[in-house]
PDB file of N, CA and C in Angstrom:
ATOM      1  N   MET A   1      81.533 117.682 128.016  1.00  0.00           N
ATOM      2  CA  MET A   1      82.239 118.289 126.534  1.00  0.00           C
ATOM      3  C   MET A   1      81.916 120.260 126.484  1.00  0.00           C
ATOM      4  N   LEU A   2      82.260 120.652 125.571  1.00  0.00           N
ATOM      5  CA  LEU A   2      82.251 121.669 124.870  1.00  0.00           C
ATOM      6  C   LEU A   2      80.939 122.378 124.814  1.00  0.00           C
ATOM      7  N   THR A   3      79.951 121.812 124.743  1.00  0.00           N
ATOM      8  CA  THR A   3      78.586 122.249 124.323  1.00  0.00           C
ATOM      9  C   THR A   3      77.508 121.379 124.398  1.00  0.00           C
ATOM     10  N   ASP A   4      76.416 121.715 124.710  1.00  0.00           N
ATOM     11  CA  ASP A   4      75.028 120.341 124.982  1.00  0.00           C
ATOM     12  C   ASP A   4      75.173 119.976 123.157  1.00  0.00           C
ATOM     13  N   SER A   5      74.219 119.102 123.580  1.00  0.00           N
ATOM     14  CA  SER A   5      74.237 117.937 121.784  1.00  0.00           C
ATOM     15  C   SER A   5      73.282 118.904 121.154  1.00  0.00           C
ATOM     16  N   PRO A   6      73.100 118.748 119.622  1.00  0.00           N
ATOM     17  CA  PRO A   6      71.881 119.835 119.155  1.00  0.00           C
ATOM     18  C   PRO A   6      70.750 119.641 119.601  1.00  0.00           C
ATOM     19  N   GLN A   7      70.513 118.391 119.996  1.00  0.00           N
ATOM     20  CA  GLN A   7      68.989 117.996 120.359  1.00  0.00           C
ATOM     21  C   GLN A   7      68.664 118.822 121.852  1.00  0.00           C
ATOM     22  N   LYS A   8      69.500 118.783 122.697  1.00  0.00           N
ATOM     23  CA  LYS A   8      69.483 119.554 124.114  1.00  0.00           C
ATOM     24  C   LYS A   8      69.539 120.729 123.870  1.00  0.00           C
ATOM     25  N   ALA A   9      70.068 121.491 122.833  1.00  0.00           N
ATOM     26  CA  ALA A   9      70.456 123.189 122.388  1.00  0.00           C
ATOM     27  C   ALA A   9      68.780 123.265 122.389  1.00  0.00           C
ATOM     28  N   GLN A  10      68.404 122.615 121.448  1.00  0.00           N
ATOM     29  CA  GLN A  10      67.208 122.883 120.665  1.00  0.00           C
ATOM     30  C   GLN A  10      65.982 122.710 121.860  1.00  0.00           C
ATOM     31  N   GLU A  11      65.645 121.891 122.697  1.00  0.00           N
ATOM     32  CA  GLU A  11      64.809 121.476 123.972  1.00  0.00           C
ATOM     33  C   GLU A  11      64.891 122.778 124.873  1.00  0.00           C
ATOM     34  N   SER A  12      66.302 123.502 124.910  1.00  0.00           N
ATOM     35  CA  SER A  12      66.670 124.582 126.071  1.00  0.00           C
ATOM     36  C   SER A  12      66.321 125.893 125.436  1.00  0.00           C
ATOM     37  N   GLY A  13      66.129 125.732 124.028  1.00  0.00           N
ATOM     38  CA  GLY A  13      65.554 126.779 123.598  1.00  0.00           C
ATOM     39  C   GLY A  13      67.280 127.356 122.716  1.00  0.00           C
ATOM     40  N   ARG A  14      68.469 127.441 122.966  1.00  0.00           N
ATOM     41  CA  ARG A  14      69.595 127.835 122.472  1.00  0.00           C
ATOM     42  C   ARG A  14      69.964 127.656 121.620  1.00  0.00           C
ATOM     43  N   ALA A  15      70.306 128.595 121.103  1.00  0.00           N
ATOM     44  CA  ALA A  15      70.733 128.857 119.388  1.00  0.00           C
ATOM     45  C   ALA A  15      71.713 128.025 118.429  1.00  0.00           C
ATOM     46  N   SER A  16      71.140 127.339 118.065  1.00  0.00           N
ATOM     47  CA  SER A  16      72.265 126.277 117.361  1.00  0.00           C
ATOM     48  C   SER A  16      73.644 126.889 116.381  1.00  0.00           C
ATOM     49  N   GLU A  17      73.300 128.060 116.199  1.00  0.00           N
ATOM     50  CA  GLU A  17      74.325 128.415 115.376  1.00  0.00           C
ATOM     51  C   GLU A  17      75.599 128.848 116.380  1.00  0.00           C
ATOM     52  N   ASP A  18      75.411 128.517 117.792  1.00  0.00           N
ATOM     53  CA  ASP A  18      76.747 128.847 119.042  1.00  0.00           C
ATOM     54  C   ASP A  18      77.692 127.433 118.857  1.00  0.00           C
ATOM     55  N   PHE A  19      77.052 126.250 118.381  1.00  0.00           N
ATOM     56  CA  PHE A  19      77.178 125.179 118.481  1.00  0.00           C
ATOM     57  C   PHE A  19      79.264 125.015 118.028  1.00  0.00           C
ATOM     58  N   VAL A  20      79.688 124.518 118.565  1.00  0.00           N
ATOM     59  CA  VAL A  20      81.308 124.198 118.281  1.00  0.00           C
ATOM     60  C   VAL A  20      80.640 122.428 117.487  1.00  0.00           C
ATOM     61  N   ASN A  21      81.295 122.423 116.434  1.00  0.00           N
ATOM     62  CA  ASN A  21      80.804 120.841 115.964  1.00  0.00           C
ATOM     63  C   ASN A  21      82.489 120.201 116.054  1.00  0.00           C
ATOM     64  N   TYR A  22      82.510 118.868 116.370  1.00  0.00           N
ATOM     65  CA  TYR A  22      83.700 118.256 116.455  1.00  0.00           C
ATOM     66  C   TYR A  22      83.673 116.810 115.774  1.00  0.00           C
ATOM     67  N   HIS A  23      84.723 116.398 115.210  1.00  0.00           N
ATOM     68  CA  HIS A  23      84.588 114.468 115.134  1.00  0.00           C
ATOM     69  C   HIS A  23      86.437 114.551 115.697  1.00  0.00           C
ATOM     70  N   TYR A  24      86.199 113.159 115.637  1.00  0.00           N
ATOM     71  CA  TYR A  24      87.698 112.420 116.302  1.00  0.00           C
ATOM     72  C   TYR A  24      87.558 111.118 116.012  1.00  0.00           C
ATOM     73  N   VAL A  25      89.279 111.121 116.123  1.00  0.00           N
ATOM     74  CA  VAL A  25      89.411 109.305 115.880  1.00  0.00           C
ATOM     75  C   VAL A  25      90.595 109.168 117.054  1.00  0.00           C
ATOM     76  N   LEU A  26      90.569 107.923 118.134  1.00  0.00           N
ATOM     77  CA  LEU A  26      91.330 108.069 118.981  1.00  0.00           C
ATOM     78  C   LEU A  26      92.885 107.549 118.322  1.00  0.00           C
ATOM     79  N   SER A  27      93.921 108.005 119.604  1.00  0.00           N
ATOM     80  CA  SER A  27      95.435 107.483 119.113  1.00  0.00           C
ATOM     81  C   SER A  27      95.494 106.016 119.427  1.00  0.00           C
ATOM     82  N   ASP A  28      96.397 105.596 118.999  1.00  0.00           N
ATOM     83  CA  ASP A  28      96.674 103.991 118.777  1.00  0.00           C
ATOM     84  C   ASP A  28      96.690 103.642 120.244  1.00  0.00           C
ATOM     85  N   ASP A  29      96.885 104.525 121.280  1.00  0.00           N
ATOM     86  CA  ASP A  29      97.178 103.831 122.426  1.00  0.00           C
ATOM     87  C   ASP A  29      95.374 103.647 123.431  1.00  0.00           C
ATOM     88  N   GLU A  30      94.709 105.009 122.660  1.00  0.00           N
ATOM     89  CA  GLU A  30      93.491 105.340 123.489  1.00  0.00           C
ATOM     90  C   GLU A  30      93.743 106.286 124.459  1.00  0.00           C
ATOM     91  N   LYS A  31      94.719 106.536 124.630  1.00  0.00           N
ATOM     92  CA  LYS A  31      94.754 107.923 125.650  1.00  0.00           C
ATOM     93  C   LYS A  31      94.813 109.350 125.427  1.00  0.00           C
ATOM     94  N   PHE A  32      94.943 109.292 124.128  1.00  0.00           N
ATOM     95  CA  PHE A  32      94.687 110.843 123.265  1.00  0.00           C
ATOM     96  C   PHE A  32      93.664 110.948 121.882  1.00  0.00           C
ATOM     97  N   ALA A  33      93.280 111.914 121.395  1.00  0.00           N
ATOM     98  CA  ALA A  33      92.319 111.563 120.419  1.00  0.00           C
ATOM     99  C   ALA A  33      92.560 112.962 119.402  1.00  0.00           C
ATOM    100  N   ILE A  34      92.462 112.487 117.826  1.00  0.00           N
ATOM    101  CA  ILE A  34      92.996 113.475 117.262  1.00  0.00           C
ATOM    102  C   ILE A  34      91.377 114.114 116.861  1.00  0.00           C
ATOM    103  N   VAL A  35      91.350 115.680 117.165  1.00  0.00           N
ATOM    104  CA  VAL A  35      89.920 115.906 117.175  1.00  0.00           C
ATOM    105  C   VAL A  35      90.230 116.981 116.050  1.00  0.00           C
ATOM    106  N   GLU A  36      88.904 117.455 115.086  1.00  0.00           N
ATOM    107  CA  GLU A  36      88.574 118.812 114.651  1.00  0.00           C
ATOM    108  C   GLU A  36      87.336 119.303 114.991  1.00  0.00           C
ATOM    109  N   PHE A  37      87.767 120.762 115.143  1.00  0.00           N
ATOM    110  CA  PHE A  37      86.774 121.813 116.012  1.00  0.00           C
ATOM    111  C   PHE A  37      86.354 122.830 114.837  1.00  0.00           C
ATOM    112  N   SER A  38      85.456 122.797 114.280  1.00  0.00           N
ATOM    113  CA  SER A  38      84.788 124.117 113.513  1.00  0.00           C
ATOM    114  C   SER A  38      83.369 124.414 113.828  1.00  0.00           C
ATOM    115  N   VAL A  39      82.995 125.477 113.408  1.00  0.00           N
ATOM    116  CA  VAL A  39      81.310 126.406 113.575  1.00  0.00           C
ATOM    117  C   VAL A  39      81.119 126.262 111.915  1.00  0.00           C
ATOM    118  N   GLN A  40      79.857 126.646 111.771  1.00  0.00           N
ATOM    119  CA  GLN A  40      79.272 126.473 110.682  1.00  0.00           C
ATOM    120  C   GLN A  40      79.087 127.955 110.459  1.00  0.00           C
ATOM    121  N   ARG A  41      78.564 128.546 111.505  1.00  0.00           N
ATOM    122  CA  ARG A  41      78.174 130.167 111.385  1.00  0.00           C
ATOM    123  C   ARG A  41      78.379 130.782 112.450  1.00  0.00           C
ATOM    124  N   PRO A  42      80.370 131.421 112.447  1.00  0.00           N
ATOM    125  CA  PRO A  42      80.964 131.546 113.516  1.00  0.00           C
ATOM    126  C   PRO A  42      79.602 132.860 114.076  1.00  0.00           C
ATOM    127  N   THR A  43      80.019 132.910 115.196  1.00  0.00           N
ATOM    128  CA  THR A  43      79.772 133.919 116.162  1.00  0.00           C
ATOM    129  C   THR A  43      80.176 134.239 117.336  1.00  0.00           C
ATOM    130  N   LYS A  44      80.155 135.269 118.292  1.00  0.00           N
ATOM    131  CA  LYS A  44      80.682 135.793 119.716  1.00  0.00           C
ATOM    132  C   LYS A  44      81.121 134.173 120.257  1.00  0.00           C
ATOM    133  N   ALA A  45      80.261 133.578 120.331  1.00  0.00           N
ATOM    134  CA  ALA A  45      80.463 132.644 121.478  1.00  0.00           C
ATOM    135  C   ALA A  45      80.940 131.466 120.857  1.00  0.00           C
ATOM    136  N   SER A  46      80.321 131.091 119.654  1.00  0.00           N
ATOM    137  CA  SER A  46      81.435 129.894 119.285  1.00  0.00           C
ATOM    138  C   SER A  46      82.906 130.390 119.050  1.00  0.00           C
ATOM    139  N   LEU A  47      83.238 131.392 118.533  1.00  0.00           N
ATOM    140  CA  LEU A  47      84.581 132.068 118.402  1.00  0.00           C
ATOM    141  C   LEU A  47      85.463 131.940 119.888  1.00  0.00           C
ATOM    142  N   GLU A  48      84.632 131.946 120.911  1.00  0.00           N
ATOM    143  CA  GLU A  48      85.123 132.107 122.158  1.00  0.00           C
ATOM    144  C   GLU A  48      85.530 130.729 122.776  1.00  0.00           C
ATOM    145  N   LYS A  49      84.584 129.964 122.230  1.00  0.00           N
ATOM    146  CA  LYS A  49      84.914 128.439 122.662  1.00  0.00           C
ATOM    147  C   LYS A  49      86.227 128.075 121.764  1.00  0.00           C
ATOM    148  N   ILE A  50      86.315 128.273 120.083  1.00  0.00           N
ATOM    149  CA  ILE A  50      87.190 127.774 119.371  1.00  0.00           C
ATOM    150  C   ILE A  50      88.453 128.186 119.979  1.00  0.00           C
ATOM    151  N   ASN A  51      88.866 129.550 120.461  1.00  0.00           N
ATOM    152  CA  ASN A  51      89.721 130.146 120.935  1.00  0.00           C
ATOM    153  C   ASN A  51      90.190 129.730 122.097  1.00  0.00           C
ATOM    154  N   ALA A  52      89.621 129.671 123.454  1.00  0.00           N
ATOM    155  CA  ALA A  52      89.630 128.461 124.201  1.00  0.00           C
ATOM    156  C   ALA A  52      90.767 127.686 123.950  1.00  0.00           C
ATOM    157  N   ILE A  53      90.205 126.692 123.403  1.00  0.00           N
ATOM    158  CA  ILE A  53      90.808 125.418 122.516  1.00  0.00           C
ATOM    159  C   ILE A  53      92.127 125.637 122.185  1.00  0.00           C
ATOM    160  N   ALA A  54      92.099 126.815 121.402  1.00  0.00           N
ATOM    161  CA  ALA A  54      93.286 126.870 120.917  1.00  0.00           C
ATOM    162  C   ALA A  54      94.486 127.407 121.978  1.00  0.00           C
ATOM    163  N   ALA A  55      94.016 127.840 122.827  1.00  0.00           N
ATOM    164  CA  ALA A  55      94.789 128.627 123.870  1.00  0.00           C
ATOM    165  C   ALA A  55      95.365 127.518 124.887  1.00  0.00           C
ATOM    166  N   SER A  56      95.122 126.646 124.995  1.00  0.00           N
ATOM    167  CA  SER A  56      94.829 125.357 126.033  1.00  0.00           C
ATOM    168  C   SER A  56      96.552 125.212 126.145  1.00  0.00           C
ATOM    169  N   LYS A  57      96.980 125.045 127.736  1.00  0.00           N
ATOM    170  CA  LYS A  57      98.635 124.534 127.637  1.00  0.00           C
ATOM    171  C   LYS A  57      98.740 123.668 128.074  1.00  0.00           C
ATOM    172  N   GLU A  58      97.545 122.513 127.993  1.00  0.00           N
ATOM    173  CA  GLU A  58      97.331 120.959 128.439  1.00  0.00           C
ATOM    174  C   GLU A  58      99.047 120.407 127.510  1.00  0.00           C
ATOM    175  N   PRO A  59      99.598 119.404 128.271  1.00  0.00           N
ATOM    176  CA  PRO A  59     100.174 118.237 127.813  1.00  0.00           C
ATOM    177  C   PRO A  59      99.619 117.776 126.544  1.00  0.00           C
ATOM    178  N   GLY A  60     100.245 117.278 125.232  1.00  0.00           N
ATOM    179  CA  GLY A  60      99.369 117.124 124.866  1.00  0.00           C
ATOM    180  C   GLY A  60      98.690 117.666 123.364  1.00  0.00           C
ATOM    181  N   VAL A  61      98.576 118.994 123.590  1.00  0.00           N
ATOM    182  CA  VAL A  61      97.649 119.379 122.975  1.00  0.00           C
ATOM    183  C   VAL A  61      98.299 120.207 121.722  1.00  0.00           C
ATOM    184  N   ALA A  62      98.048 120.131 120.642  1.00  0.00           N
ATOM    185  CA  ALA A  62      98.644 120.938 119.627  1.00  0.00           C
ATOM    186  C   ALA A  62      97.715 121.228 118.482  1.00  0.00           C
ATOM    187  N   VAL A  63      97.711 122.591 117.956  1.00  0.00           N
ATOM    188  CA  VAL A  63      96.650 123.323 117.274  1.00  0.00           C
ATOM    189  C   VAL A  63      96.964 123.853 116.361  1.00  0.00           C
ATOM    190  N   PHE A  64      96.270 123.322 115.308  1.00  0.00           N
ATOM    191  CA  PHE A  64      96.681 123.689 114.106  1.00  0.00           C
ATOM    192  C   PHE A  64      95.520 124.701 113.150  1.00  0.00           C
ATOM    193  N   GLU A  65      95.839 125.665 112.504  1.00  0.00           N
ATOM    194  CA  GLU A  65      94.798 126.541 111.876  1.00  0.00           C
ATOM    195  C   GLU A  65      94.548 126.143 110.490  1.00  0.00           C
ATOM    196  N   HIS A  66      93.261 126.226 109.890  1.00  0.00           N
ATOM    197  CA  HIS A  66      92.955 125.874 108.621  1.00  0.00           C
ATOM    198  C   HIS A  66      93.682 126.968 107.864  1.00  0.00           C
ATOM    199  N   GLY A  67      94.485 126.851 106.725  1.00  0.00           N
ATOM    200  CA  GLY A  67      95.126 127.679 105.952  1.00  0.00           C
ATOM    201  C   GLY A  67      96.700 128.312 106.688  1.00  0.00           C
ATOM    202  N   LYS A  68      96.693 128.176 107.648  1.00  0.00           N
ATOM    203  CA  LYS A  68      98.245 128.049 108.167  1.00  0.00           C
ATOM    204  C   LYS A  68      98.950 127.152 108.464  1.00  0.00           C
ATOM    205  N   SER A  69      98.646 126.154 108.587  1.00  0.00           N
ATOM    206  CA  SER A  69      99.480 125.340 108.779  1.00  0.00           C
ATOM    207  C   SER A  69      99.280 124.239 107.501  1.00  0.00           C
ATOM    208  N   SER A  70     100.577 123.237 107.396  1.00  0.00           N
ATOM    209  CA  SER A  70     101.263 122.874 106.171  1.00  0.00           C
ATOM    210  C   SER A  70     100.329 121.451 106.465  1.00  0.00           C
ATOM    211  N   ARG A  71     100.003 120.658 105.823  1.00  0.00           N
ATOM    212  CA  ARG A  71      99.195 119.304 105.588  1.00  0.00           C
ATOM    213  C   ARG A  71     100.738 118.527 106.289  1.00  0.00           C
ATOM    214  N   GLN A  72     101.468 118.273 106.038  1.00  0.00           N
ATOM    215  CA  GLN A  72     102.702 117.874 106.332  1.00  0.00           C
ATOM    216  C   GLN A  72     103.189 118.073 107.912  1.00  0.00           C
ATOM    217  N   ALA A  73     103.195 119.052 107.946  1.00  0.00           N
ATOM    218  CA  ALA A  73     103.096 119.478 109.500  1.00  0.00           C
ATOM    219  C   ALA A  73     102.225 118.729 110.381  1.00  0.00           C
ATOM    220  N   MET A  74     101.137 118.537 109.914  1.00  0.00           N
ATOM    221  CA  MET A  74      99.610 118.162 110.654  1.00  0.00           C
ATOM    222  C   MET A  74     100.019 116.571 110.658  1.00  0.00           C
ATOM    223  N   GLU A  75     100.369 115.941 109.298  1.00  0.00           N
ATOM    224  CA  GLU A  75     100.205 114.497 109.616  1.00  0.00           C
ATOM    225  C   GLU A  75     101.163 114.156 110.503  1.00  0.00           C
ATOM    226  N   ALA A  76     102.515 115.226 110.242  1.00  0.00           N
ATOM    227  CA  ALA A  76     103.806 114.565 111.369  1.00  0.00           C
ATOM    228  C   ALA A  76     103.398 114.532 112.915  1.00  0.00           C
ATOM    229  N   GLU A  77     102.783 115.175 113.285  1.00  0.00           N
ATOM    230  CA  GLU A  77     102.316 115.433 114.259  1.00  0.00           C
ATOM    231  C   GLU A  77     101.345 114.226 114.789  1.00  0.00           C
ATOM    232  N   PHE A  78     100.232 114.160 114.002  1.00  0.00           N
ATOM    233  CA  PHE A  78      99.224 113.161 114.072  1.00  0.00           C
ATOM    234  C   PHE A  78      99.719 111.904 114.195  1.00  0.00           C
ATOM    235  N   ARG A  79     100.481 111.474 112.949  1.00  0.00           N
ATOM    236  CA  ARG A  79     100.926 110.073 113.217  1.00  0.00           C
ATOM    237  C   ARG A  79     102.036 109.794 114.369  1.00  0.00           C
ATOM    238  N   LYS A  80     102.515 110.979 115.140  1.00  0.00           N
ATOM    239  CA  LYS A  80     103.272 110.277 116.563  1.00  0.00           C
ATOM    240  C   LYS A  80     102.102 109.959 117.705  1.00  0.00           C
ATOM    241  N   TYR A  81     101.175 109.727 117.273  1.00  0.00           N
ATOM    242  CA  TYR A  81      99.521 109.105 117.978  1.00  0.00           C
ATOM    243  C   TYR A  81      98.991 108.335 117.656  1.00  0.00           C
ATOM    244  N   LYS A  82      99.065 108.257 115.850  1.00  0.00           N
ATOM    245  CA  LYS A  82      98.202 107.384 115.584  1.00  0.00           C
ATOM    246  C   LYS A  82      98.866 107.416 114.287  1.00  0.00           C
ATOM    247  N   LYS A  83      99.465 105.950 114.107  1.00  0.00           N
ATOM    248  CA  LYS A  83     100.600 105.720 112.970  1.00  0.00           C
ATOM    249  C   LYS A  83      99.894 105.468 111.648  1.00  0.00           C
ATOM    250  N   ASP A  84      98.796 105.686 111.353  1.00  0.00           N
ATOM    251  CA  ASP A  84      98.599 105.168 110.039  1.00  0.00           C
ATOM    252  C   ASP A  84      97.610 106.275 109.698  1.00  0.00           C
ATOM    253  N   PHE A  85      97.516 107.658 110.368  1.00  0.00           N
ATOM    254  CA  PHE A  85      96.437 108.724 110.290  1.00  0.00           C
ATOM    255  C   PHE A  85      96.628 108.746 108.442  1.00  0.00           C
ATOM    256  N   SER A  86      95.209 109.141 108.513  1.00  0.00           N
ATOM    257  CA  SER A  86      95.116 109.600 107.232  1.00  0.00           C
ATOM    258  C   SER A  86      93.861 110.365 106.693  1.00  0.00           C
ATOM    259  N   PHE A  87      94.210 112.080 106.235  1.00  0.00           N
ATOM    260  CA  PHE A  87      93.029 112.840 106.218  1.00  0.00           C
ATOM    261  C   PHE A  87      91.756 112.918 105.554  1.00  0.00           C
ATOM    262  N   GLU A  88      92.059 111.463 104.238  1.00  0.00           N
ATOM    263  CA  GLU A  88      90.646 111.011 103.723  1.00  0.00           C
ATOM    264  C   GLU A  88      89.992 110.425 104.373  1.00  0.00           C
ATOM    265  N   GLU A  89      90.711 109.571 105.397  1.00  0.00           N
ATOM    266  CA  GLU A  89      89.549 108.536 106.039  1.00  0.00           C
ATOM    267  C   GLU A  89      89.019 109.388 107.566  1.00  0.00           C
ATOM    268  N   PHE A  90      89.592 110.291 107.783  1.00  0.00           N
ATOM    269  CA  PHE A  90      89.794 111.182 109.116  1.00  0.00           C
ATOM    270  C   PHE A  90      88.296 112.222 108.245  1.00  0.00           C
ATOM    271  N   ALA A  91      88.145 112.425 107.111  1.00  0.00           N
ATOM    272  CA  ALA A  91      87.200 113.544 106.866  1.00  0.00           C
ATOM    273  C   ALA A  91      85.993 112.403 106.170  1.00  0.00           C
ATOM    274  N   GLY A  92      86.291 111.048 106.373  1.00  0.00           N
ATOM    275  CA  GLY A  92      85.055 110.177 106.172  1.00  0.00           C
ATOM    276  C   GLY A  92      85.006 109.812 104.487  1.00  0.00           C
ATOM    277  N   PHE A  93      86.235 110.380 103.825  1.00  0.00           N
ATOM    278  CA  PHE A  93      86.386 109.789 102.533  1.00  0.00           C
ATOM    279  C   PHE A  93      87.322 109.101 101.917  1.00  0.00           C
ATOM    280  N   LYS A  94      87.361 107.144 101.998  1.00  0.00           N
ATOM    281  CA  LYS A  94      87.712 106.634 102.375  1.00  0.00           C
ATOM    282  C   LYS A  94      88.346 106.127 100.622  1.00  0.00           C
ATOM    283  N   VAL A  95      89.711 106.518 100.280  1.00  0.00           N
ATOM    284  CA  VAL A  95      90.526 106.276  99.547  1.00  0.00           C
ATOM    285  C   VAL A  95      90.555 104.940  99.010  1.00  0.00           C
ATOM    286  N   GLN A  96      90.121 104.594  97.846  1.00  0.00           N
ATOM    287  CA  GLN A  96      90.075 103.208  96.876  1.00  0.00           C
ATOM    288  C   GLN A  96      90.537 103.065  95.680  1.00  0.00           C
ATOM    289  N   GLY A  97      92.043 102.041  95.695  1.00  0.00           N
ATOM    290  CA  GLY A  97      92.646 102.171  94.209  1.00  0.00           C
ATOM    291  C   GLY A  97      92.783 103.438  94.043  1.00  0.00           C
ATOM    292  N   GLY A  98      93.712 104.801  94.818  1.00  0.00           N
ATOM    293  CA  GLY A  98      94.360 105.797  94.355  1.00  0.00           C
ATOM    294  C   GLY A  98      92.937 106.875  93.941  1.00  0.00           C
ATOM    295  N   LYS A  99      92.088 106.522  94.363  1.00  0.00           N
ATOM    296  CA  LYS A  99      91.077 107.279  93.569  1.00  0.00           C
ATOM    297  C   LYS A  99      89.839 107.668  94.840  1.00  0.00           C
ATOM    298  N   ASN A 100      89.172 108.897  95.042  1.00  0.00           N
ATOM    299  CA  ASN A 100      88.135 109.215  96.113  1.00  0.00           C
ATOM    300  C   ASN A 100      87.028 108.385  95.435  1.00  0.00           C
TER     301      ASN A 100
END
């Protein structure tokens, strides 16, 4: 992947703030994944990793930036791959009865 696990980095003495964090959900056909990348404390190394992802020209890669992309545009793209995509569930907040 993009970086060592936090445990492996700690064992090797690498600074944990260089890590690019991510979580994902597989597409309905399990050939793609919807992935959110983030960094807790931006450093030159972590921003270079994020920029490399954003610059990808691989087929199927769509990049959305926080604060620049609308929720509607992101959901429309994500639902091409996962028909019941939900930001609430993706972020770990299951909505029940219309309330968080």
